[in-house]
N, C-alpha and C. Protein backbone atom coordinates (compact mmCIF):
# COMPACT_ATOMS: atom_id res chain seq x y z
N UNK A 1 23.13 12.34 21.44
CA UNK A 1 22.02 12.82 20.57
C UNK A 1 20.81 13.56 21.28
N UNK A 2 20.30 14.73 20.77
CA UNK A 2 19.20 15.20 21.27
C UNK A 2 18.19 14.35 21.52
N UNK A 3 17.24 14.47 22.44
CA UNK A 3 15.96 13.70 22.60
C UNK A 3 15.11 13.52 21.35
N UNK A 4 14.84 14.62 20.71
CA UNK A 4 14.07 14.56 19.64
C UNK A 4 14.67 13.82 18.40
N UNK A 5 15.93 13.79 18.35
CA UNK A 5 16.45 12.91 17.27
C UNK A 5 16.48 11.63 17.56
N UNK A 6 16.67 11.30 18.92
CA UNK A 6 16.61 9.82 19.29
C UNK A 6 15.31 9.20 19.11
N UNK A 7 14.18 10.02 19.55
CA UNK A 7 12.79 9.78 19.22
C UNK A 7 12.64 9.52 17.78
N UNK A 8 13.07 10.40 16.82
CA UNK A 8 12.88 10.02 15.52
C UNK A 8 13.53 8.68 14.99
N UNK A 9 14.76 8.50 15.60
CA UNK A 9 15.58 7.25 15.25
C UNK A 9 14.83 6.02 15.62
N UNK A 10 14.22 6.24 16.82
CA UNK A 10 13.46 5.01 17.34
C UNK A 10 12.25 4.81 16.52
N UNK A 11 11.52 5.81 16.19
CA UNK A 11 10.34 5.78 15.28
C UNK A 11 10.59 5.25 13.97
N UNK A 12 11.79 5.68 13.28
CA UNK A 12 12.21 5.03 12.07
C UNK A 12 12.42 3.62 12.20
N UNK A 13 13.13 3.28 13.22
CA UNK A 13 13.60 1.81 13.28
C UNK A 13 12.40 1.03 13.56
N UNK A 14 11.42 1.49 14.24
CA UNK A 14 10.30 0.66 14.52
C UNK A 14 9.12 0.71 13.36
N UNK A 15 9.14 1.71 12.57
CA UNK A 15 8.11 2.05 11.47
C UNK A 15 8.53 1.61 10.22
N UNK A 16 9.76 1.67 9.79
CA UNK A 16 10.19 1.57 8.37
C UNK A 16 9.79 0.31 7.78
N UNK A 17 10.07 -0.73 8.39
CA UNK A 17 9.96 -2.11 7.89
C UNK A 17 8.24 -2.45 7.72
N UNK A 18 7.51 -2.17 8.82
CA UNK A 18 6.04 -2.38 8.57
C UNK A 18 5.42 -1.61 7.42
N UNK A 19 5.84 -0.29 7.35
CA UNK A 19 5.34 0.60 6.38
C UNK A 19 5.71 0.13 4.97
N UNK A 20 6.91 -0.35 4.84
CA UNK A 20 7.51 -0.78 3.55
C UNK A 20 6.70 -1.98 3.21
N UNK A 21 6.45 -3.02 4.15
CA UNK A 21 5.62 -4.18 3.76
C UNK A 21 4.18 -3.79 3.14
N UNK A 22 3.63 -2.73 3.94
CA UNK A 22 2.37 -2.35 3.39
C UNK A 22 2.39 -1.91 2.01
N UNK A 23 3.27 -0.88 1.75
CA UNK A 23 3.48 -0.47 0.36
C UNK A 23 3.93 -1.46 -0.67
N UNK A 24 4.66 -2.40 -0.19
CA UNK A 24 5.05 -3.52 -1.15
C UNK A 24 3.91 -4.29 -1.58
N UNK A 25 3.00 -4.63 -0.56
CA UNK A 25 1.71 -5.25 -0.90
C UNK A 25 0.86 -4.50 -1.86
N UNK A 26 0.87 -3.13 -1.62
CA UNK A 26 0.11 -2.24 -2.52
C UNK A 26 0.71 -2.11 -3.89
N UNK A 27 2.09 -1.93 -3.95
CA UNK A 27 2.51 -1.66 -5.35
C UNK A 27 3.19 -2.81 -6.09
N UNK A 28 3.46 -3.80 -5.11
CA UNK A 28 4.00 -5.04 -5.84
C UNK A 28 5.60 -4.81 -6.19
N UNK A 29 6.27 -3.86 -5.85
CA UNK A 29 7.58 -3.52 -6.10
C UNK A 29 8.32 -3.08 -4.87
N UNK A 30 9.13 -3.88 -4.40
CA UNK A 30 9.85 -3.67 -3.15
C UNK A 30 10.69 -2.47 -3.22
N UNK A 31 11.43 -2.15 -4.23
CA UNK A 31 12.22 -0.93 -4.44
C UNK A 31 11.42 0.20 -4.38
N UNK A 32 10.18 0.23 -5.01
CA UNK A 32 9.40 1.43 -5.21
C UNK A 32 8.79 1.61 -3.60
N UNK A 33 8.41 0.66 -2.93
CA UNK A 33 7.84 0.75 -1.56
C UNK A 33 8.95 1.28 -0.74
N UNK A 34 10.24 0.86 -0.72
CA UNK A 34 11.34 1.29 0.10
C UNK A 34 11.61 2.83 -0.23
N UNK A 35 11.43 3.08 -1.54
CA UNK A 35 11.78 4.50 -1.98
C UNK A 35 10.74 5.49 -1.33
N UNK A 36 9.39 5.14 -1.57
CA UNK A 36 8.30 6.17 -1.09
C UNK A 36 8.29 6.21 0.43
N UNK A 37 8.60 5.07 1.03
CA UNK A 37 8.59 5.13 2.59
C UNK A 37 9.75 6.08 3.02
N UNK A 38 11.01 5.85 2.45
CA UNK A 38 12.14 6.66 2.70
C UNK A 38 11.95 7.94 2.47
N UNK A 39 11.33 8.40 1.37
CA UNK A 39 10.90 9.70 0.95
C UNK A 39 10.05 10.43 2.15
N UNK A 40 8.99 9.61 2.45
CA UNK A 40 8.05 10.06 3.54
C UNK A 40 8.84 10.34 4.88
N UNK A 41 9.75 9.57 5.26
CA UNK A 41 10.54 9.82 6.49
C UNK A 41 11.38 11.09 6.24
N UNK A 42 11.90 11.31 5.18
CA UNK A 42 12.65 12.49 4.87
C UNK A 42 11.76 13.71 5.07
N UNK A 43 10.63 13.57 4.43
CA UNK A 43 9.79 14.70 4.73
C UNK A 43 9.30 14.96 6.05
N UNK A 44 9.22 13.97 6.78
CA UNK A 44 8.82 14.18 8.16
C UNK A 44 9.86 14.75 9.12
N UNK A 45 11.16 14.45 8.78
CA UNK A 45 12.33 14.91 9.66
C UNK A 45 12.26 16.30 9.92
N UNK A 46 12.00 17.32 9.07
CA UNK A 46 12.09 18.77 9.28
C UNK A 46 10.80 19.17 10.10
N UNK A 47 9.85 18.39 10.02
CA UNK A 47 8.58 18.57 10.84
C UNK A 47 8.36 17.93 12.12
N UNK A 48 9.35 17.11 12.51
CA UNK A 48 9.28 16.15 13.45
C UNK A 48 8.57 16.59 14.79
N UNK A 49 9.05 17.79 15.24
CA UNK A 49 8.77 18.34 16.45
C UNK A 49 7.26 18.96 16.37
N UNK A 50 6.80 19.07 15.23
CA UNK A 50 5.40 19.66 15.12
C UNK A 50 4.25 18.59 14.83
N UNK A 51 4.69 17.29 14.59
CA UNK A 51 3.69 16.26 14.14
C UNK A 51 3.01 15.68 15.35
N UNK A 52 1.73 15.90 15.33
CA UNK A 52 1.00 15.32 16.49
C UNK A 52 0.77 13.74 16.43
N UNK A 53 0.70 13.13 15.15
CA UNK A 53 0.63 11.69 15.03
C UNK A 53 1.64 11.36 13.88
N UNK A 54 2.82 11.17 14.11
CA UNK A 54 3.91 11.01 13.24
C UNK A 54 3.57 9.76 12.32
N UNK A 55 3.17 8.61 12.94
CA UNK A 55 2.79 7.34 12.15
C UNK A 55 1.79 7.67 11.07
N UNK A 56 0.74 8.20 11.49
CA UNK A 56 -0.24 8.46 10.59
C UNK A 56 0.12 9.50 9.51
N UNK A 57 0.99 10.40 9.83
CA UNK A 57 1.44 11.37 8.87
C UNK A 57 2.40 10.83 7.90
N UNK A 58 3.32 10.02 8.21
CA UNK A 58 4.30 9.34 7.56
C UNK A 58 3.54 8.29 6.54
N UNK A 59 2.67 7.54 7.06
CA UNK A 59 1.80 6.59 6.37
C UNK A 59 1.18 7.30 5.27
N UNK A 60 0.38 8.30 5.51
CA UNK A 60 -0.37 9.13 4.61
C UNK A 60 0.55 9.65 3.23
N UNK A 61 1.63 10.33 3.71
CA UNK A 61 2.66 10.75 2.74
C UNK A 61 3.28 9.64 1.90
N UNK A 62 3.58 8.48 2.43
CA UNK A 62 3.98 7.44 1.59
C UNK A 62 2.90 6.80 0.67
N UNK A 63 1.73 6.76 1.10
CA UNK A 63 0.63 6.15 0.23
C UNK A 63 0.42 7.27 -0.82
N UNK A 64 0.51 8.62 -0.60
CA UNK A 64 0.25 9.61 -1.54
C UNK A 64 1.50 9.50 -2.50
N UNK A 65 2.47 9.33 -2.00
CA UNK A 65 3.87 9.30 -3.00
C UNK A 65 3.70 8.06 -4.00
N UNK A 66 3.37 6.95 -3.34
CA UNK A 66 3.20 5.78 -4.16
C UNK A 66 1.98 5.92 -5.18
N UNK A 67 1.00 6.67 -4.88
CA UNK A 67 -0.09 6.84 -5.93
C UNK A 67 0.34 7.89 -6.83
N UNK A 68 1.06 8.98 -6.52
CA UNK A 68 1.64 9.82 -7.57
C UNK A 68 2.61 9.20 -8.48
N UNK A 69 3.50 8.39 -8.05
CA UNK A 69 4.38 7.71 -8.83
C UNK A 69 3.74 6.67 -9.69
N UNK A 70 2.68 5.94 -9.33
CA UNK A 70 1.96 5.13 -10.07
C UNK A 70 1.36 5.88 -11.31
N UNK A 71 0.78 7.09 -11.04
CA UNK A 71 0.08 7.89 -12.01
C UNK A 71 1.31 8.30 -13.07
N UNK A 72 2.25 8.68 -12.67
CA UNK A 72 3.33 9.12 -13.62
C UNK A 72 3.78 7.99 -14.39
N UNK A 73 3.94 6.80 -13.75
CA UNK A 73 4.36 5.55 -14.46
C UNK A 73 3.34 5.23 -15.59
N UNK A 74 1.91 5.32 -15.14
CA UNK A 74 0.98 5.09 -15.99
C UNK A 74 0.94 6.07 -17.38
N UNK A 75 1.16 7.26 -17.13
CA UNK A 75 1.36 8.27 -18.19
C UNK A 75 2.36 7.98 -19.09
N UNK A 76 3.62 7.52 -18.39
CA UNK A 76 4.82 7.10 -19.24
C UNK A 76 4.46 5.95 -20.22
N UNK A 77 3.80 4.95 -19.41
CA UNK A 77 3.57 3.70 -20.19
C UNK A 77 2.48 4.09 -21.42
N UNK A 78 1.64 4.96 -21.18
CA UNK A 78 0.62 5.24 -22.22
C UNK A 78 1.42 6.05 -23.28
N UNK A 79 2.35 6.90 -22.92
CA UNK A 79 3.19 7.57 -23.92
C UNK A 79 4.00 6.68 -24.70
N UNK A 80 4.47 5.66 -24.15
CA UNK A 80 5.43 4.84 -24.76
C UNK A 80 4.82 3.57 -25.42
N UNK A 81 3.59 3.46 -25.33
CA UNK A 81 2.79 2.33 -25.85
C UNK A 81 3.61 1.18 -26.42
N UNK A 82 3.36 0.07 -25.95
CA UNK A 82 4.26 -1.15 -26.28
C UNK A 82 5.38 -1.65 -25.46
N UNK A 83 5.63 -0.69 -24.55
CA UNK A 83 6.65 -0.97 -23.63
C UNK A 83 6.07 -2.12 -22.67
N UNK A 84 6.91 -3.22 -22.51
CA UNK A 84 6.51 -4.33 -21.58
C UNK A 84 7.20 -4.16 -20.20
N UNK A 85 6.43 -4.39 -19.18
CA UNK A 85 6.99 -4.46 -17.94
C UNK A 85 7.35 -6.00 -17.55
N UNK A 86 8.51 -6.15 -17.11
CA UNK A 86 8.99 -7.44 -16.66
C UNK A 86 8.76 -7.62 -15.19
N UNK A 87 8.01 -8.75 -14.76
CA UNK A 87 7.77 -9.16 -13.37
C UNK A 87 8.66 -10.18 -12.90
N UNK A 88 9.31 -10.02 -11.79
CA UNK A 88 10.24 -10.97 -11.23
C UNK A 88 9.37 -11.76 -10.30
N UNK A 89 9.45 -13.21 -10.33
CA UNK A 89 8.65 -14.03 -9.47
C UNK A 89 8.84 -13.75 -7.96
N UNK A 90 7.82 -13.95 -7.25
CA UNK A 90 7.81 -13.68 -5.79
C UNK A 90 8.62 -14.68 -5.05
N UNK A 91 8.86 -14.48 -3.73
CA UNK A 91 9.58 -15.54 -3.08
C UNK A 91 8.86 -16.81 -2.80
N UNK A 92 7.64 -16.89 -2.90
CA UNK A 92 6.84 -18.28 -2.73
C UNK A 92 5.62 -18.20 -3.45
N UNK A 93 4.85 -19.37 -3.66
CA UNK A 93 3.66 -19.42 -4.44
C UNK A 93 2.59 -18.68 -3.87
N UNK A 94 2.53 -18.64 -2.47
CA UNK A 94 1.47 -18.01 -1.73
C UNK A 94 1.55 -16.52 -1.83
N UNK A 95 2.70 -16.02 -1.71
CA UNK A 95 2.98 -14.53 -1.88
C UNK A 95 2.64 -14.05 -3.31
N UNK A 96 3.04 -14.70 -4.24
CA UNK A 96 2.75 -14.47 -5.66
C UNK A 96 1.23 -14.46 -5.78
N UNK A 97 0.61 -15.44 -5.41
CA UNK A 97 -0.94 -15.55 -5.57
C UNK A 97 -1.59 -14.37 -4.89
N UNK A 98 -1.14 -13.99 -3.72
CA UNK A 98 -1.71 -13.03 -3.04
C UNK A 98 -1.51 -11.51 -3.78
N UNK A 99 -0.20 -11.36 -4.07
CA UNK A 99 0.14 -10.03 -4.78
C UNK A 99 -0.70 -10.07 -6.13
N UNK A 100 -0.75 -11.26 -6.88
CA UNK A 100 -1.58 -11.14 -8.16
C UNK A 100 -3.05 -10.91 -7.83
N UNK A 101 -3.60 -11.54 -6.66
CA UNK A 101 -5.01 -11.34 -6.56
C UNK A 101 -5.15 -9.74 -5.96
N UNK A 102 -4.42 -9.27 -5.17
CA UNK A 102 -4.48 -7.83 -4.82
C UNK A 102 -4.42 -6.96 -6.05
N UNK A 103 -3.62 -7.21 -6.92
CA UNK A 103 -3.48 -6.46 -8.17
C UNK A 103 -4.78 -6.31 -8.98
N UNK A 104 -5.67 -7.37 -8.91
CA UNK A 104 -6.86 -7.43 -9.60
C UNK A 104 -7.91 -6.39 -9.01
N UNK A 105 -7.64 -6.02 -7.73
CA UNK A 105 -8.67 -5.14 -7.03
C UNK A 105 -8.54 -3.73 -7.44
N UNK A 106 -9.67 -2.92 -7.39
CA UNK A 106 -9.52 -1.51 -7.71
C UNK A 106 -8.63 -0.91 -6.52
N UNK A 107 -8.05 0.22 -6.82
CA UNK A 107 -7.02 0.80 -6.01
C UNK A 107 -7.52 1.00 -4.50
N UNK A 108 -8.65 1.60 -4.42
CA UNK A 108 -9.30 1.83 -3.06
C UNK A 108 -9.45 0.59 -2.28
N UNK A 109 -10.01 -0.55 -2.84
CA UNK A 109 -10.37 -1.77 -2.34
C UNK A 109 -8.94 -2.36 -1.80
N UNK A 110 -8.05 -2.35 -2.65
CA UNK A 110 -6.66 -2.93 -2.42
C UNK A 110 -6.19 -2.21 -1.25
N UNK A 111 -6.08 -0.72 -1.25
CA UNK A 111 -5.58 0.13 -0.19
C UNK A 111 -6.23 -0.42 1.24
N UNK A 112 -7.67 -0.41 1.25
CA UNK A 112 -8.22 -0.70 2.38
C UNK A 112 -7.94 -2.23 2.96
N UNK A 113 -7.74 -3.13 2.10
CA UNK A 113 -7.37 -4.56 2.56
C UNK A 113 -5.94 -4.61 3.04
N UNK A 114 -5.10 -3.89 2.32
CA UNK A 114 -3.78 -3.95 2.84
C UNK A 114 -3.57 -3.24 4.18
N UNK A 115 -4.13 -1.95 4.36
CA UNK A 115 -4.12 -1.27 5.53
C UNK A 115 -4.85 -2.04 6.74
N UNK A 116 -5.94 -2.65 6.38
CA UNK A 116 -6.62 -3.38 7.46
C UNK A 116 -5.97 -4.74 8.02
N UNK A 117 -5.48 -5.48 6.84
CA UNK A 117 -4.96 -6.78 7.17
C UNK A 117 -3.37 -6.75 7.45
N UNK A 118 -2.79 -5.93 6.71
CA UNK A 118 -1.24 -6.07 6.98
C UNK A 118 -0.84 -4.93 7.85
N UNK A 119 -1.49 -3.78 7.92
CA UNK A 119 -1.02 -2.78 8.79
C UNK A 119 -1.79 -2.68 10.06
N UNK A 120 -2.89 -3.67 10.17
CA UNK A 120 -3.81 -3.58 11.50
C UNK A 120 -4.29 -2.23 11.68
N UNK A 121 -4.69 -1.36 10.61
CA UNK A 121 -5.24 -0.20 10.82
C UNK A 121 -6.78 -0.34 11.00
N UNK A 122 -7.29 0.51 11.90
CA UNK A 122 -8.71 0.32 12.11
C UNK A 122 -9.56 0.81 10.89
N UNK A 123 -10.84 0.68 11.00
CA UNK A 123 -11.61 1.19 9.78
C UNK A 123 -11.67 2.72 10.00
N UNK A 124 -11.69 3.36 11.18
CA UNK A 124 -11.61 4.67 11.48
C UNK A 124 -10.40 5.21 10.89
N UNK A 125 -9.13 4.64 11.16
CA UNK A 125 -7.87 5.12 10.57
C UNK A 125 -7.91 5.07 9.09
N UNK A 126 -8.33 4.09 8.47
CA UNK A 126 -8.50 3.99 7.06
C UNK A 126 -9.24 5.19 6.43
N UNK A 127 -10.39 5.35 7.17
CA UNK A 127 -11.33 6.29 6.60
C UNK A 127 -10.58 7.73 6.73
N UNK A 128 -9.87 7.98 7.98
CA UNK A 128 -9.12 9.34 7.96
C UNK A 128 -8.00 9.40 6.89
N UNK A 129 -7.29 8.28 6.60
CA UNK A 129 -6.17 8.28 5.70
C UNK A 129 -6.68 8.49 4.34
N UNK A 130 -7.83 7.85 3.95
CA UNK A 130 -8.29 8.07 2.53
C UNK A 130 -9.36 9.31 2.38
N UNK A 131 -9.74 9.75 3.46
CA UNK A 131 -10.85 10.77 3.25
C UNK A 131 -12.16 10.26 2.97
N UNK A 132 -12.49 9.05 3.22
CA UNK A 132 -13.74 8.35 2.89
C UNK A 132 -14.38 8.24 4.14
N UNK A 133 -15.77 7.98 4.07
CA UNK A 133 -16.57 7.68 5.16
C UNK A 133 -16.38 6.24 5.70
N UNK A 134 -16.59 6.02 6.92
CA UNK A 134 -16.34 4.57 7.42
C UNK A 134 -17.23 3.56 6.79
N UNK A 135 -18.45 3.87 6.34
CA UNK A 135 -19.24 3.06 5.66
C UNK A 135 -18.64 2.74 4.27
N UNK A 136 -18.05 3.63 3.69
CA UNK A 136 -17.38 3.38 2.52
C UNK A 136 -16.20 2.41 2.54
N UNK A 137 -15.42 2.70 3.58
CA UNK A 137 -14.32 1.76 3.77
C UNK A 137 -14.72 0.44 4.05
N UNK A 138 -15.87 0.19 4.84
CA UNK A 138 -16.41 -1.08 5.19
C UNK A 138 -16.92 -1.72 3.73
N UNK A 139 -17.39 -1.00 2.99
CA UNK A 139 -17.87 -1.52 1.62
C UNK A 139 -16.59 -1.89 0.83
N UNK A 140 -15.55 -1.17 0.86
CA UNK A 140 -14.22 -1.56 0.17
C UNK A 140 -13.76 -2.92 0.67
N UNK A 141 -13.80 -2.92 2.13
CA UNK A 141 -13.25 -4.30 2.53
C UNK A 141 -14.14 -5.46 2.15
N UNK A 142 -15.50 -5.34 2.36
CA UNK A 142 -16.36 -6.24 1.93
C UNK A 142 -16.15 -6.67 0.57
N UNK A 143 -16.01 -5.80 -0.39
CA UNK A 143 -15.82 -6.14 -1.77
C UNK A 143 -14.55 -6.77 -2.12
N UNK A 144 -13.51 -6.13 -1.44
CA UNK A 144 -12.23 -6.64 -1.55
C UNK A 144 -12.03 -8.09 -1.06
N UNK A 145 -12.53 -8.42 -0.04
CA UNK A 145 -12.42 -9.70 0.63
C UNK A 145 -13.16 -10.69 -0.48
N UNK A 146 -14.38 -10.40 -0.78
CA UNK A 146 -15.14 -11.17 -1.65
C UNK A 146 -14.30 -11.55 -2.95
N UNK A 147 -13.86 -10.34 -3.47
CA UNK A 147 -13.00 -10.62 -4.87
C UNK A 147 -11.78 -11.51 -4.43
N UNK A 148 -11.10 -11.20 -3.43
CA UNK A 148 -9.92 -12.06 -3.05
C UNK A 148 -10.39 -13.49 -2.78
N UNK A 149 -11.36 -13.91 -2.10
CA UNK A 149 -11.82 -15.01 -1.83
C UNK A 149 -12.03 -15.96 -3.02
N UNK A 150 -12.78 -15.37 -4.08
CA UNK A 150 -12.80 -15.99 -5.33
C UNK A 150 -11.56 -16.28 -6.12
N UNK A 151 -10.75 -15.08 -6.06
CA UNK A 151 -9.32 -15.21 -6.71
C UNK A 151 -8.63 -16.34 -6.17
N UNK A 152 -8.65 -16.45 -4.82
CA UNK A 152 -7.62 -17.37 -4.10
C UNK A 152 -8.15 -18.84 -3.87
N UNK A 153 -9.59 -19.05 -4.27
CA UNK A 153 -10.07 -20.21 -4.07
C UNK A 153 -9.34 -21.32 -4.88
N UNK A 154 -9.22 -22.42 -4.38
CA UNK A 154 -8.41 -23.46 -5.09
C UNK A 154 -8.95 -23.85 -6.53
N UNK A 155 -10.40 -23.80 -6.68
CA UNK A 155 -10.98 -24.16 -7.76
C UNK A 155 -11.11 -23.27 -8.93
N UNK A 156 -10.47 -22.03 -8.79
CA UNK A 156 -10.47 -20.89 -9.81
C UNK A 156 -9.31 -20.86 -10.59
N UNK A 157 -9.35 -21.27 -11.75
CA UNK A 157 -8.10 -21.18 -12.63
C UNK A 157 -7.36 -19.81 -12.60
N UNK A 158 -6.16 -19.80 -12.68
CA UNK A 158 -5.17 -18.84 -12.56
C UNK A 158 -5.58 -17.46 -13.50
N UNK A 159 -5.93 -17.93 -14.72
CA UNK A 159 -6.29 -16.70 -15.68
C UNK A 159 -7.59 -16.27 -15.68
N UNK A 160 -8.63 -16.76 -14.66
CA UNK A 160 -9.91 -16.38 -14.70
C UNK A 160 -9.91 -14.85 -14.23
N UNK A 161 -10.94 -14.22 -14.77
CA UNK A 161 -11.34 -12.83 -14.43
C UNK A 161 -12.31 -12.79 -13.15
N UNK A 162 -12.01 -12.19 -12.21
CA UNK A 162 -12.90 -11.93 -11.05
C UNK A 162 -13.38 -10.47 -11.16
N UNK A 163 -14.67 -10.32 -11.16
CA UNK A 163 -15.36 -8.90 -11.29
C UNK A 163 -15.75 -8.60 -9.78
N UNK A 164 -15.31 -7.21 -9.58
CA UNK A 164 -15.79 -6.72 -8.27
C UNK A 164 -16.77 -5.60 -8.52
N UNK A 165 -17.61 -5.56 -7.73
CA UNK A 165 -18.76 -4.44 -8.05
C UNK A 165 -18.28 -3.06 -7.57
């Protein structure tokens, strides 16, 4: 196998699972997360030899694909009004609670929290990925953490609304 293909195979093997985990936490749908990550890797393959930072490039493409799919799904749901989405329960109560709490956050706060805590991305990396200033990312993280802390506190009833600024 040529060295560049071996490098890509190693990169894929090392990166697919963590990136899928991040997108699963963001989308709440494992199959959707796997699809967008796979598609991002497929888009990276022809560009492999020209990518300066393949990890960042694949992550950005995967997040953009997930956002585009979410927008298309939202439009479809709007057009088909009344369609109900069925949710399968998660593997455990903590995972379900976390995904439910993450789902209450605005998209950018959720993205920042997932990237920072699940992907170990730095504030600088998140700022580059989202095109936002580092101060904005810090604000998203602060607000996201505050909302999650309230949502995940033992004394908050499951159906309570948590407002984030």
